[in-house]
Amino acid sequence: MELSPFLQGIIIGLTLAVPVGPISLLCIRRAVADGRLHGIVSGLGVATADSFYAAVAVLGLTVVSGFILAQQVFFRVVAGLVLIGIGAKVFLSVPKEPMENGAHEPYVRNYLSMLAITLANPLTILFFIVVLPGFGIVIGGTSLFTSAEFILGIFSGSVLWWVILCGAVASVRSRLTAKNLGLINRISGFLIVLFGIGTLLLLLVPA
């Protein structure tokens, strides 16, 4: 039985969101330090960016995709530097005991920061260009309704993952001490910096 475009989108959205990387680490840290809703809202930013790139690929917006791919070195340099900066900030931050009513970053900032970081990674659109034909999605050749259904599925699959992940992680935050949070900051900050450095080093590898 052939899956509907919506279900195919959910599968691809989950496939794109599940692997652990700097984006996941940032969302996890926010869920632990600030609460599950901050982590989920951050994940919504990621899901929005993923859906944007899916729309570009599915709708055959060659001008947009061509520009993104042509400028991918610039975007990847920006993404690498931003990750290094964020990772260093996380590594050096001094955590406090987690409290539900403490001072946290605004939800809008949580959303927009993750949206920007994810959009700065042009490899996402390459993922869609390579993977979509394998799911029977003909880039630029589907109806508008089918495309919208598929893109909504990608968004839903990505959001589903962030709800599950951030909900599970945040469930243990009440048992964490400042010392535990400090260790989490050091590890996640270090790994995020490594991801940023790796992003920059990959630019030196011949295509």
N, C-alpha and C. Protein backbone atom coordinates (compact mmCIF):
# COMPACT_ATOMS: atom_id res chain seq x y z
N MET A 1 0.84 -1.20 0.00
CA MET A 1 0.00 0.00 0.00
C MET A 1 0.88 1.25 0.00
N GLU A 2 0.59 2.17 -0.89
CA GLU A 2 1.40 3.38 -0.99
C GLU A 2 1.01 4.37 0.09
N LEU A 3 2.01 4.93 0.74
CA LEU A 3 1.75 5.89 1.81
C LEU A 3 1.32 7.23 1.21
N SER A 4 0.47 7.93 1.94
CA SER A 4 0.05 9.26 1.50
C SER A 4 1.22 10.23 1.59
N PRO A 5 1.19 11.32 0.84
CA PRO A 5 2.27 12.31 0.92
C PRO A 5 2.48 12.83 2.33
N PHE A 6 1.39 12.96 3.10
CA PHE A 6 1.51 13.45 4.48
C PHE A 6 2.32 12.48 5.34
N LEU A 7 2.02 11.19 5.24
CA LEU A 7 2.76 10.19 6.01
C LEU A 7 4.21 10.08 5.55
N GLN A 8 4.43 10.19 4.24
CA GLN A 8 5.80 10.20 3.74
C GLN A 8 6.56 11.38 4.31
N GLY A 9 5.89 12.53 4.39
CA GLY A 9 6.51 13.71 4.96
C GLY A 9 6.87 13.53 6.42
N ILE A 10 5.99 12.89 7.17
CA ILE A 10 6.27 12.63 8.59
C ILE A 10 7.52 11.77 8.74
N ILE A 11 7.63 10.73 7.92
CA ILE A 11 8.79 9.84 7.98
C ILE A 11 10.07 10.61 7.67
N ILE A 12 10.04 11.44 6.63
CA ILE A 12 11.24 12.20 6.26
C ILE A 12 11.55 13.25 7.32
N GLY A 13 10.51 13.88 7.87
CA GLY A 13 10.72 14.86 8.93
C GLY A 13 11.40 14.25 10.14
N LEU A 14 10.97 13.05 10.50
CA LEU A 14 11.60 12.34 11.62
C LEU A 14 13.03 11.95 11.27
N THR A 15 13.22 11.48 10.04
CA THR A 15 14.56 11.06 9.59
C THR A 15 15.55 12.22 9.67
N LEU A 16 15.08 13.41 9.34
CA LEU A 16 15.95 14.58 9.35
C LEU A 16 16.21 15.09 10.77
N ALA A 17 15.23 14.95 11.65
CA ALA A 17 15.33 15.53 13.00
C ALA A 17 16.04 14.64 14.01
N VAL A 18 15.92 13.32 13.86
CA VAL A 18 16.39 12.39 14.89
C VAL A 18 17.91 12.39 15.12
N PRO A 19 18.74 12.42 14.07
CA PRO A 19 20.20 12.34 14.32
C PRO A 19 20.68 13.43 15.27
N VAL A 20 21.58 13.04 16.18
CA VAL A 20 22.09 13.98 17.17
C VAL A 20 23.17 14.86 16.54
N GLY A 21 23.00 16.15 16.66
CA GLY A 21 23.96 17.11 16.14
C GLY A 21 23.91 18.36 17.00
N PRO A 22 24.52 19.45 16.53
CA PRO A 22 24.53 20.67 17.34
C PRO A 22 23.14 21.23 17.59
N ILE A 23 22.24 21.07 16.61
CA ILE A 23 20.87 21.56 16.78
C ILE A 23 20.18 20.82 17.92
N SER A 24 20.33 19.49 17.91
CA SER A 24 19.73 18.68 18.97
C SER A 24 20.29 19.04 20.34
N LEU A 25 21.61 19.25 20.39
CA LEU A 25 22.23 19.58 21.67
C LEU A 25 21.72 20.90 22.22
N LEU A 26 21.52 21.88 21.35
CA LEU A 26 21.01 23.18 21.79
C LEU A 26 19.58 23.06 22.31
N CYS A 27 18.74 22.30 21.60
CA CYS A 27 17.36 22.12 22.02
C CYS A 27 17.30 21.35 23.34
N ILE A 28 18.13 20.32 23.46
CA ILE A 28 18.17 19.54 24.69
C ILE A 28 18.60 20.40 25.86
N ARG A 29 19.64 21.22 25.65
CA ARG A 29 20.11 22.08 26.74
C ARG A 29 19.04 23.06 27.18
N ARG A 30 18.32 23.63 26.23
CA ARG A 30 17.27 24.57 26.59
C ARG A 30 16.14 23.88 27.35
N ALA A 31 15.82 22.65 26.94
CA ALA A 31 14.78 21.90 27.63
C ALA A 31 15.20 21.60 29.07
N VAL A 32 16.47 21.29 29.27
CA VAL A 32 16.98 20.98 30.60
C VAL A 32 17.08 22.23 31.46
N ALA A 33 17.66 23.29 30.90
CA ALA A 33 17.92 24.50 31.69
C ALA A 33 16.68 25.36 31.89
N ASP A 34 15.82 25.44 30.86
CA ASP A 34 14.70 26.38 30.91
C ASP A 34 13.32 25.73 30.96
N GLY A 35 13.24 24.46 30.62
CA GLY A 35 11.94 23.79 30.62
C GLY A 35 11.57 23.26 29.25
N ARG A 36 10.65 22.29 29.24
CA ARG A 36 10.34 21.60 27.99
C ARG A 36 9.78 22.53 26.92
N LEU A 37 9.00 23.53 27.31
CA LEU A 37 8.39 24.39 26.31
C LEU A 37 9.44 25.21 25.56
N HIS A 38 10.51 25.62 26.26
CA HIS A 38 11.58 26.35 25.59
C HIS A 38 12.29 25.45 24.58
N GLY A 39 12.47 24.19 24.93
CA GLY A 39 13.07 23.24 24.01
C GLY A 39 12.19 22.98 22.81
N ILE A 40 10.88 22.82 23.05
CA ILE A 40 9.94 22.55 21.97
C ILE A 40 9.84 23.74 21.02
N VAL A 41 9.77 24.95 21.58
CA VAL A 41 9.70 26.15 20.73
C VAL A 41 10.97 26.28 19.88
N SER A 42 12.11 25.94 20.47
CA SER A 42 13.36 25.93 19.70
C SER A 42 13.26 24.92 18.56
N GLY A 43 12.69 23.75 18.86
CA GLY A 43 12.49 22.73 17.84
C GLY A 43 11.55 23.19 16.73
N LEU A 44 10.57 24.03 17.08
CA LEU A 44 9.66 24.57 16.06
C LEU A 44 10.43 25.42 15.05
N GLY A 45 11.45 26.14 15.54
CA GLY A 45 12.29 26.91 14.63
C GLY A 45 13.01 26.01 13.65
N VAL A 46 13.51 24.89 14.16
CA VAL A 46 14.19 23.91 13.31
C VAL A 46 13.21 23.33 12.29
N ALA A 47 12.02 22.95 12.75
CA ALA A 47 11.02 22.36 11.87
C ALA A 47 10.60 23.34 10.77
N THR A 48 10.51 24.61 11.12
CA THR A 48 10.14 25.63 10.12
C THR A 48 11.20 25.73 9.03
N ALA A 49 12.47 25.74 9.44
CA ALA A 49 13.56 25.82 8.47
C ALA A 49 13.58 24.58 7.57
N ASP A 50 13.40 23.41 8.18
CA ASP A 50 13.37 22.17 7.39
C ASP A 50 12.23 22.21 6.37
N SER A 51 11.07 22.71 6.80
CA SER A 51 9.91 22.79 5.91
C SER A 51 10.15 23.78 4.78
N PHE A 52 10.86 24.87 5.07
CA PHE A 52 11.19 25.85 4.03
C PHE A 52 12.05 25.21 2.95
N TYR A 53 13.09 24.49 3.37
CA TYR A 53 13.96 23.85 2.39
C TYR A 53 13.21 22.76 1.63
N ALA A 54 12.30 22.06 2.30
CA ALA A 54 11.49 21.05 1.62
C ALA A 54 10.61 21.70 0.56
N ALA A 55 10.04 22.85 0.89
CA ALA A 55 9.19 23.56 -0.06
C ALA A 55 9.99 24.00 -1.28
N VAL A 56 11.21 24.50 -1.05
CA VAL A 56 12.06 24.92 -2.15
C VAL A 56 12.35 23.75 -3.09
N ALA A 57 12.63 22.59 -2.50
CA ALA A 57 12.95 21.40 -3.30
C ALA A 57 11.72 20.86 -4.03
N VAL A 58 10.61 20.72 -3.30
CA VAL A 58 9.41 20.10 -3.87
C VAL A 58 8.77 20.98 -4.95
N LEU A 59 8.73 22.28 -4.69
CA LEU A 59 8.07 23.18 -5.63
C LEU A 59 8.97 23.56 -6.81
N GLY A 60 10.22 23.08 -6.77
CA GLY A 60 11.10 23.32 -7.89
C GLY A 60 11.51 24.77 -8.04
N LEU A 61 11.74 25.43 -6.91
CA LEU A 61 12.15 26.84 -6.96
C LEU A 61 13.64 26.90 -7.25
N THR A 62 13.96 26.72 -8.52
CA THR A 62 15.36 26.59 -8.92
C THR A 62 16.18 27.86 -8.66
N VAL A 63 15.53 29.02 -8.75
CA VAL A 63 16.26 30.27 -8.50
C VAL A 63 16.72 30.33 -7.06
N VAL A 64 15.79 29.97 -6.14
CA VAL A 64 16.12 29.99 -4.71
C VAL A 64 17.15 28.94 -4.38
N SER A 65 16.90 27.69 -4.82
CA SER A 65 17.83 26.60 -4.50
C SER A 65 19.18 26.85 -5.15
N GLY A 66 19.18 27.39 -6.36
CA GLY A 66 20.45 27.68 -7.04
C GLY A 66 21.26 28.72 -6.29
N PHE A 67 20.58 29.75 -5.79
CA PHE A 67 21.29 30.78 -5.02
C PHE A 67 21.87 30.20 -3.73
N ILE A 68 21.05 29.40 -3.03
CA ILE A 68 21.49 28.81 -1.77
C ILE A 68 22.71 27.92 -1.99
N LEU A 69 22.64 27.08 -3.01
CA LEU A 69 23.76 26.16 -3.27
C LEU A 69 24.99 26.91 -3.79
N ALA A 70 24.76 27.97 -4.57
CA ALA A 70 25.88 28.74 -5.09
C ALA A 70 26.62 29.47 -3.97
N GLN A 71 25.86 29.85 -2.94
CA GLN A 71 26.45 30.59 -1.82
C GLN A 71 26.66 29.70 -0.59
N GLN A 72 26.72 28.38 -0.81
CA GLN A 72 26.77 27.49 0.34
C GLN A 72 28.05 27.65 1.16
N VAL A 73 29.15 28.04 0.53
CA VAL A 73 30.39 28.25 1.30
C VAL A 73 30.18 29.37 2.31
N PHE A 74 29.57 30.46 1.87
CA PHE A 74 29.29 31.58 2.77
C PHE A 74 28.39 31.14 3.92
N PHE A 75 27.29 30.44 3.58
CA PHE A 75 26.36 30.01 4.61
C PHE A 75 27.02 29.05 5.61
N ARG A 76 27.86 28.16 5.10
CA ARG A 76 28.51 27.19 5.98
C ARG A 76 29.56 27.85 6.87
N VAL A 77 30.24 28.87 6.36
CA VAL A 77 31.19 29.62 7.19
C VAL A 77 30.43 30.32 8.32
N VAL A 78 29.32 30.96 7.96
CA VAL A 78 28.50 31.64 8.97
C VAL A 78 28.00 30.65 10.01
N ALA A 79 27.49 29.50 9.54
CA ALA A 79 26.98 28.48 10.45
C ALA A 79 28.08 27.97 11.37
N GLY A 80 29.26 27.71 10.82
CA GLY A 80 30.37 27.22 11.64
C GLY A 80 30.78 28.21 12.71
N LEU A 81 30.90 29.49 12.32
CA LEU A 81 31.31 30.52 13.28
C LEU A 81 30.25 30.72 14.36
N VAL A 82 28.98 30.68 13.95
CA VAL A 82 27.89 30.84 14.93
C VAL A 82 27.90 29.68 15.92
N LEU A 83 28.09 28.47 15.43
CA LEU A 83 28.13 27.30 16.32
C LEU A 83 29.30 27.39 17.30
N ILE A 84 30.44 27.83 16.82
CA ILE A 84 31.61 27.98 17.70
C ILE A 84 31.30 29.02 18.79
N GLY A 85 30.70 30.14 18.38
CA GLY A 85 30.36 31.18 19.35
C GLY A 85 29.35 30.72 20.37
N ILE A 86 28.30 30.04 19.91
CA ILE A 86 27.27 29.55 20.82
C ILE A 86 27.85 28.48 21.74
N GLY A 87 28.65 27.57 21.16
CA GLY A 87 29.24 26.51 21.97
C GLY A 87 30.13 27.06 23.06
N ALA A 88 30.93 28.09 22.73
CA ALA A 88 31.81 28.71 23.72
C ALA A 88 30.99 29.37 24.82
N LYS A 89 29.89 30.03 24.43
CA LYS A 89 29.03 30.67 25.41
C LYS A 89 28.40 29.65 26.35
N VAL A 90 27.94 28.54 25.77
CA VAL A 90 27.35 27.47 26.58
C VAL A 90 28.40 26.89 27.53
N PHE A 91 29.59 26.64 27.01
CA PHE A 91 30.67 26.04 27.81
C PHE A 91 31.03 26.92 29.00
N LEU A 92 31.05 28.22 28.80
CA LEU A 92 31.48 29.15 29.85
C LEU A 92 30.35 29.61 30.76
N SER A 93 29.11 29.30 30.41
CA SER A 93 27.99 29.78 31.22
C SER A 93 27.96 29.11 32.58
N VAL A 94 27.56 29.87 33.57
CA VAL A 94 27.46 29.37 34.94
C VAL A 94 26.00 29.07 35.24
N PRO A 95 25.63 27.80 35.38
CA PRO A 95 24.23 27.45 35.57
C PRO A 95 23.76 27.68 37.00
N LYS A 96 22.44 27.87 37.13
CA LYS A 96 21.81 27.94 38.45
C LYS A 96 20.89 26.75 38.60
N GLU A 97 20.41 26.55 39.81
CA GLU A 97 19.46 25.45 40.01
C GLU A 97 18.26 25.68 39.10
N PRO A 98 17.80 24.62 38.40
CA PRO A 98 16.65 24.80 37.49
C PRO A 98 15.39 25.16 38.25
N MET A 99 14.72 26.24 37.82
CA MET A 99 13.48 26.68 38.45
C MET A 99 12.46 26.99 37.36
N GLU A 100 11.22 26.64 37.60
CA GLU A 100 10.17 26.87 36.62
C GLU A 100 9.96 28.36 36.35
N ASN A 101 10.12 29.20 37.39
CA ASN A 101 9.80 30.61 37.26
C ASN A 101 11.04 31.50 37.16
N GLY A 102 12.20 30.92 36.86
CA GLY A 102 13.42 31.69 36.75
C GLY A 102 13.43 32.53 35.48
N ALA A 103 14.47 33.34 35.32
CA ALA A 103 14.60 34.18 34.13
C ALA A 103 15.12 33.34 32.96
N HIS A 104 14.36 33.34 31.87
CA HIS A 104 14.74 32.56 30.70
C HIS A 104 14.69 33.44 29.46
N GLU A 105 15.30 32.96 28.39
CA GLU A 105 15.21 33.67 27.12
C GLU A 105 13.76 33.69 26.64
N PRO A 106 13.33 34.76 25.97
CA PRO A 106 11.96 34.80 25.43
C PRO A 106 11.75 33.67 24.42
N TYR A 107 10.51 33.20 24.33
CA TYR A 107 10.21 32.13 23.39
C TYR A 107 10.49 32.56 21.95
N VAL A 108 10.22 33.82 21.65
CA VAL A 108 10.46 34.30 20.28
C VAL A 108 11.94 34.18 19.93
N ARG A 109 12.80 34.50 20.89
CA ARG A 109 14.24 34.38 20.65
C ARG A 109 14.64 32.92 20.50
N ASN A 110 14.04 32.04 21.31
CA ASN A 110 14.31 30.60 21.17
C ASN A 110 14.00 30.15 19.74
N TYR A 111 12.84 30.57 19.25
CA TYR A 111 12.38 30.16 17.92
C TYR A 111 13.26 30.74 16.82
N LEU A 112 13.46 32.05 16.85
CA LEU A 112 14.18 32.71 15.77
C LEU A 112 15.66 32.30 15.70
N SER A 113 16.28 32.08 16.86
CA SER A 113 17.69 31.70 16.86
C SER A 113 17.89 30.34 16.20
N MET A 114 17.01 29.38 16.50
CA MET A 114 17.14 28.05 15.89
C MET A 114 16.74 28.07 14.42
N LEU A 115 15.77 28.92 14.08
CA LEU A 115 15.39 29.07 12.67
C LEU A 115 16.58 29.56 11.87
N ALA A 116 17.28 30.58 12.39
CA ALA A 116 18.42 31.16 11.67
C ALA A 116 19.57 30.18 11.55
N ILE A 117 19.88 29.47 12.63
CA ILE A 117 20.99 28.52 12.60
C ILE A 117 20.72 27.39 11.60
N THR A 118 19.48 26.90 11.59
CA THR A 118 19.14 25.80 10.69
C THR A 118 19.14 26.27 9.23
N LEU A 119 18.63 27.48 8.99
CA LEU A 119 18.62 28.01 7.62
C LEU A 119 20.03 28.24 7.10
N ALA A 120 20.98 28.45 8.02
CA ALA A 120 22.37 28.70 7.61
C ALA A 120 23.08 27.44 7.16
N ASN A 121 22.39 26.30 7.25
CA ASN A 121 22.99 25.03 6.83
C ASN A 121 22.42 24.61 5.48
N PRO A 122 23.09 24.94 4.37
CA PRO A 122 22.56 24.63 3.04
C PRO A 122 22.57 23.14 2.73
N LEU A 123 23.21 22.33 3.56
CA LEU A 123 23.23 20.89 3.31
C LEU A 123 21.84 20.28 3.45
N THR A 124 20.94 20.99 4.15
CA THR A 124 19.58 20.49 4.33
C THR A 124 18.87 20.37 2.99
N ILE A 125 19.05 21.37 2.13
CA ILE A 125 18.37 21.31 0.84
C ILE A 125 18.96 20.20 -0.03
N LEU A 126 20.24 19.93 0.12
CA LEU A 126 20.85 18.80 -0.60
C LEU A 126 20.23 17.48 -0.15
N PHE A 127 19.94 17.39 1.15
CA PHE A 127 19.27 16.20 1.70
C PHE A 127 17.95 15.97 0.97
N PHE A 128 17.16 17.02 0.81
CA PHE A 128 15.86 16.87 0.16
C PHE A 128 16.01 16.55 -1.32
N ILE A 129 16.96 17.18 -2.00
CA ILE A 129 17.14 16.93 -3.43
C ILE A 129 17.53 15.48 -3.69
N VAL A 130 18.31 14.90 -2.77
CA VAL A 130 18.77 13.51 -2.94
C VAL A 130 17.71 12.51 -2.49
N VAL A 131 17.02 12.81 -1.36
CA VAL A 131 16.12 11.84 -0.74
C VAL A 131 14.73 11.82 -1.36
N LEU A 132 14.20 12.97 -1.74
CA LEU A 132 12.81 13.03 -2.20
C LEU A 132 12.48 12.11 -3.37
N PRO A 133 13.33 12.04 -4.40
CA PRO A 133 13.00 11.12 -5.51
C PRO A 133 12.84 9.67 -5.05
N GLY A 134 13.56 9.28 -4.01
CA GLY A 134 13.45 7.92 -3.49
C GLY A 134 12.12 7.63 -2.86
N PHE A 135 11.39 8.68 -2.50
CA PHE A 135 10.06 8.51 -1.92
C PHE A 135 8.97 8.74 -2.95
N GLY A 136 9.37 8.82 -4.22
CA GLY A 136 8.38 9.00 -5.27
C GLY A 136 7.92 10.43 -5.43
N ILE A 137 8.61 11.37 -4.78
CA ILE A 137 8.25 12.78 -4.92
C ILE A 137 9.04 13.36 -6.08
N VAL A 138 8.35 13.76 -7.13
CA VAL A 138 9.02 14.32 -8.30
C VAL A 138 9.17 15.81 -8.07
N ILE A 139 10.40 16.26 -7.92
CA ILE A 139 10.66 17.67 -7.63
C ILE A 139 10.16 18.54 -8.78
N GLY A 140 9.32 19.48 -8.42
CA GLY A 140 8.81 20.42 -9.40
C GLY A 140 7.68 19.86 -10.25
N GLY A 141 7.26 18.61 -10.03
CA GLY A 141 6.25 18.03 -10.88
C GLY A 141 5.00 17.57 -10.16
N THR A 142 4.84 17.92 -8.90
CA THR A 142 3.67 17.51 -8.14
C THR A 142 2.66 18.65 -8.09
N SER A 143 1.41 18.30 -7.79
CA SER A 143 0.38 19.33 -7.66
C SER A 143 0.62 20.16 -6.41
N LEU A 144 0.04 21.34 -6.38
CA LEU A 144 0.23 22.23 -5.24
C LEU A 144 -0.33 21.61 -3.96
N PHE A 145 -1.49 20.94 -4.07
CA PHE A 145 -2.10 20.31 -2.90
C PHE A 145 -1.22 19.19 -2.36
N THR A 146 -0.71 18.34 -3.25
CA THR A 146 0.15 17.23 -2.84
C THR A 146 1.43 17.76 -2.21
N SER A 147 1.99 18.80 -2.80
CA SER A 147 3.21 19.40 -2.25
C SER A 147 2.96 19.95 -0.86
N ALA A 148 1.83 20.66 -0.68
CA ALA A 148 1.50 21.24 0.62
C ALA A 148 1.29 20.14 1.66
N GLU A 149 0.64 19.06 1.25
CA GLU A 149 0.41 17.94 2.16
C GLU A 149 1.73 17.31 2.60
N PHE A 150 2.64 17.16 1.66
CA PHE A 150 3.94 16.56 1.94
C PHE A 150 4.77 17.46 2.86
N ILE A 151 4.79 18.75 2.58
CA ILE A 151 5.56 19.70 3.40
C ILE A 151 4.99 19.77 4.81
N LEU A 152 3.65 19.75 4.93
CA LEU A 152 3.02 19.74 6.25
C LEU A 152 3.41 18.49 7.02
N GLY A 153 3.54 17.37 6.30
CA GLY A 153 3.96 16.13 6.95
C GLY A 153 5.38 16.23 7.49
N ILE A 154 6.27 16.85 6.71
CA ILE A 154 7.66 17.05 7.17
C ILE A 154 7.68 17.91 8.43
N PHE A 155 6.90 18.99 8.42
CA PHE A 155 6.84 19.86 9.59
C PHE A 155 6.29 19.09 10.80
N SER A 156 5.24 18.32 10.58
CA SER A 156 4.62 17.56 11.67
C SER A 156 5.56 16.50 12.23
N GLY A 157 6.29 15.80 11.35
CA GLY A 157 7.22 14.78 11.81
C GLY A 157 8.35 15.38 12.62
N SER A 158 8.86 16.52 12.18
CA SER A 158 9.93 17.19 12.91
C SER A 158 9.44 17.67 14.26
N VAL A 159 8.26 18.30 14.29
CA VAL A 159 7.70 18.79 15.56
C VAL A 159 7.44 17.63 16.51
N LEU A 160 6.93 16.52 15.99
CA LEU A 160 6.67 15.35 16.82
C LEU A 160 7.93 14.90 17.54
N TRP A 161 9.05 14.87 16.83
CA TRP A 161 10.31 14.46 17.44
C TRP A 161 10.73 15.40 18.55
N TRP A 162 10.62 16.73 18.29
CA TRP A 162 11.05 17.69 19.31
C TRP A 162 10.17 17.65 20.54
N VAL A 163 8.88 17.39 20.35
CA VAL A 163 7.97 17.26 21.51
C VAL A 163 8.36 16.05 22.35
N ILE A 164 8.63 14.93 21.68
CA ILE A 164 9.01 13.71 22.40
C ILE A 164 10.36 13.89 23.08
N LEU A 165 11.35 14.39 22.35
CA LEU A 165 12.70 14.53 22.88
C LEU A 165 12.75 15.52 24.04
N CYS A 166 12.23 16.72 23.83
CA CYS A 166 12.29 17.76 24.87
C CYS A 166 11.43 17.41 26.06
N GLY A 167 10.30 16.74 25.82
CA GLY A 167 9.46 16.31 26.93
C GLY A 167 10.16 15.29 27.79
N ALA A 168 10.84 14.34 27.15
CA ALA A 168 11.56 13.30 27.90
C ALA A 168 12.73 13.89 28.68
N VAL A 169 13.48 14.78 28.03
CA VAL A 169 14.64 15.38 28.69
C VAL A 169 14.23 16.27 29.85
N ALA A 170 13.19 17.08 29.64
CA ALA A 170 12.75 18.01 30.67
C ALA A 170 12.15 17.31 31.88
N SER A 171 11.73 16.07 31.71
CA SER A 171 11.11 15.35 32.83
C SER A 171 12.09 15.07 33.95
N VAL A 172 13.40 15.15 33.66
CA VAL A 172 14.40 14.88 34.70
C VAL A 172 15.04 16.15 35.23
N ARG A 173 14.64 17.33 34.70
CA ARG A 173 15.32 18.57 35.08
C ARG A 173 15.15 18.91 36.56
N SER A 174 14.03 18.51 37.16
CA SER A 174 13.81 18.82 38.57
C SER A 174 14.78 18.08 39.48
N ARG A 175 15.41 17.02 38.95
CA ARG A 175 16.35 16.24 39.76
C ARG A 175 17.80 16.65 39.51
N LEU A 176 17.99 17.65 38.66
CA LEU A 176 19.34 18.09 38.34
C LEU A 176 19.79 19.21 39.27
N THR A 177 21.05 19.18 39.65
CA THR A 177 21.63 20.23 40.49
C THR A 177 22.45 21.17 39.60
N ALA A 178 22.89 22.28 40.19
CA ALA A 178 23.73 23.23 39.45
C ALA A 178 25.00 22.54 38.96
N LYS A 179 25.52 21.62 39.77
CA LYS A 179 26.72 20.89 39.37
C LYS A 179 26.46 20.03 38.15
N ASN A 180 25.30 19.35 38.14
CA ASN A 180 24.93 18.52 37.00
C ASN A 180 24.77 19.38 35.74
N LEU A 181 24.10 20.51 35.90
CA LEU A 181 23.89 21.41 34.77
C LEU A 181 25.22 21.95 34.25
N GLY A 182 26.14 22.20 35.18
CA GLY A 182 27.46 22.67 34.77
C GLY A 182 28.16 21.66 33.89
N LEU A 183 28.05 20.39 34.27
CA LEU A 183 28.66 19.31 33.48
C LEU A 183 28.01 19.22 32.11
N ILE A 184 26.68 19.34 32.09
CA ILE A 184 25.96 19.31 30.81
C ILE A 184 26.41 20.46 29.92
N ASN A 185 26.57 21.64 30.52
CA ASN A 185 27.02 22.81 29.75
C ASN A 185 28.41 22.58 29.16
N ARG A 186 29.31 22.01 29.96
CA ARG A 186 30.68 21.79 29.48
C ARG A 186 30.68 20.80 28.32
N ILE A 187 29.97 19.70 28.49
CA ILE A 187 29.96 18.66 27.45
C ILE A 187 29.28 19.16 26.18
N SER A 188 28.07 19.71 26.33
CA SER A 188 27.33 20.16 25.14
C SER A 188 28.04 21.32 24.46
N GLY A 189 28.59 22.26 25.25
CA GLY A 189 29.32 23.39 24.67
C GLY A 189 30.53 22.93 23.89
N PHE A 190 31.27 21.98 24.46
CA PHE A 190 32.46 21.44 23.80
C PHE A 190 32.08 20.76 22.48
N LEU A 191 31.01 19.96 22.50
CA LEU A 191 30.58 19.25 21.30
C LEU A 191 30.08 20.21 20.23
N ILE A 192 29.36 21.26 20.65
CA ILE A 192 28.86 22.24 19.68
C ILE A 192 30.03 22.96 19.01
N VAL A 193 31.05 23.32 19.80
CA VAL A 193 32.25 23.95 19.23
C VAL A 193 32.91 23.01 18.23
N LEU A 194 32.99 21.71 18.57
CA LEU A 194 33.58 20.74 17.65
C LEU A 194 32.79 20.66 16.34
N PHE A 195 31.45 20.67 16.45
CA PHE A 195 30.62 20.64 15.25
C PHE A 195 30.90 21.88 14.39
N GLY A 196 31.04 23.04 15.05
CA GLY A 196 31.33 24.27 14.31
C GLY A 196 32.68 24.20 13.61
N ILE A 197 33.70 23.72 14.32
CA ILE A 197 35.03 23.57 13.72
C ILE A 197 34.99 22.57 12.57
N GLY A 198 34.25 21.48 12.78
CA GLY A 198 34.12 20.48 11.73
C GLY A 198 33.45 21.05 10.48
N THR A 199 32.45 21.91 10.69
CA THR A 199 31.77 22.55 9.56
C THR A 199 32.75 23.38 8.74
N LEU A 200 33.64 24.09 9.43
CA LEU A 200 34.63 24.93 8.74
C LEU A 200 35.70 24.06 8.06
N LEU A 201 36.14 23.02 8.75
CA LEU A 201 37.20 22.16 8.19
C LEU A 201 36.73 21.43 6.94
N LEU A 202 35.44 21.08 6.88
CA LEU A 202 34.91 20.38 5.72
C LEU A 202 35.00 21.23 4.45
N LEU A 203 35.05 22.55 4.65
CA LEU A 203 35.18 23.45 3.49
C LEU A 203 36.55 23.30 2.83
N LEU A 204 37.51 22.78 3.57
CA LEU A 204 38.86 22.61 3.03
C LEU A 204 39.02 21.31 2.26
N VAL A 205 38.02 20.42 2.40
CA VAL A 205 38.08 19.14 1.69
C VAL A 205 37.68 19.35 0.24
N PRO A 206 38.49 18.90 -0.71
CA PRO A 206 38.14 19.08 -2.13
C PRO A 206 36.82 18.42 -2.47
N ALA A 207 36.01 19.09 -3.25
CA ALA A 207 34.70 18.55 -3.63
C ALA A 207 34.86 17.35 -4.56
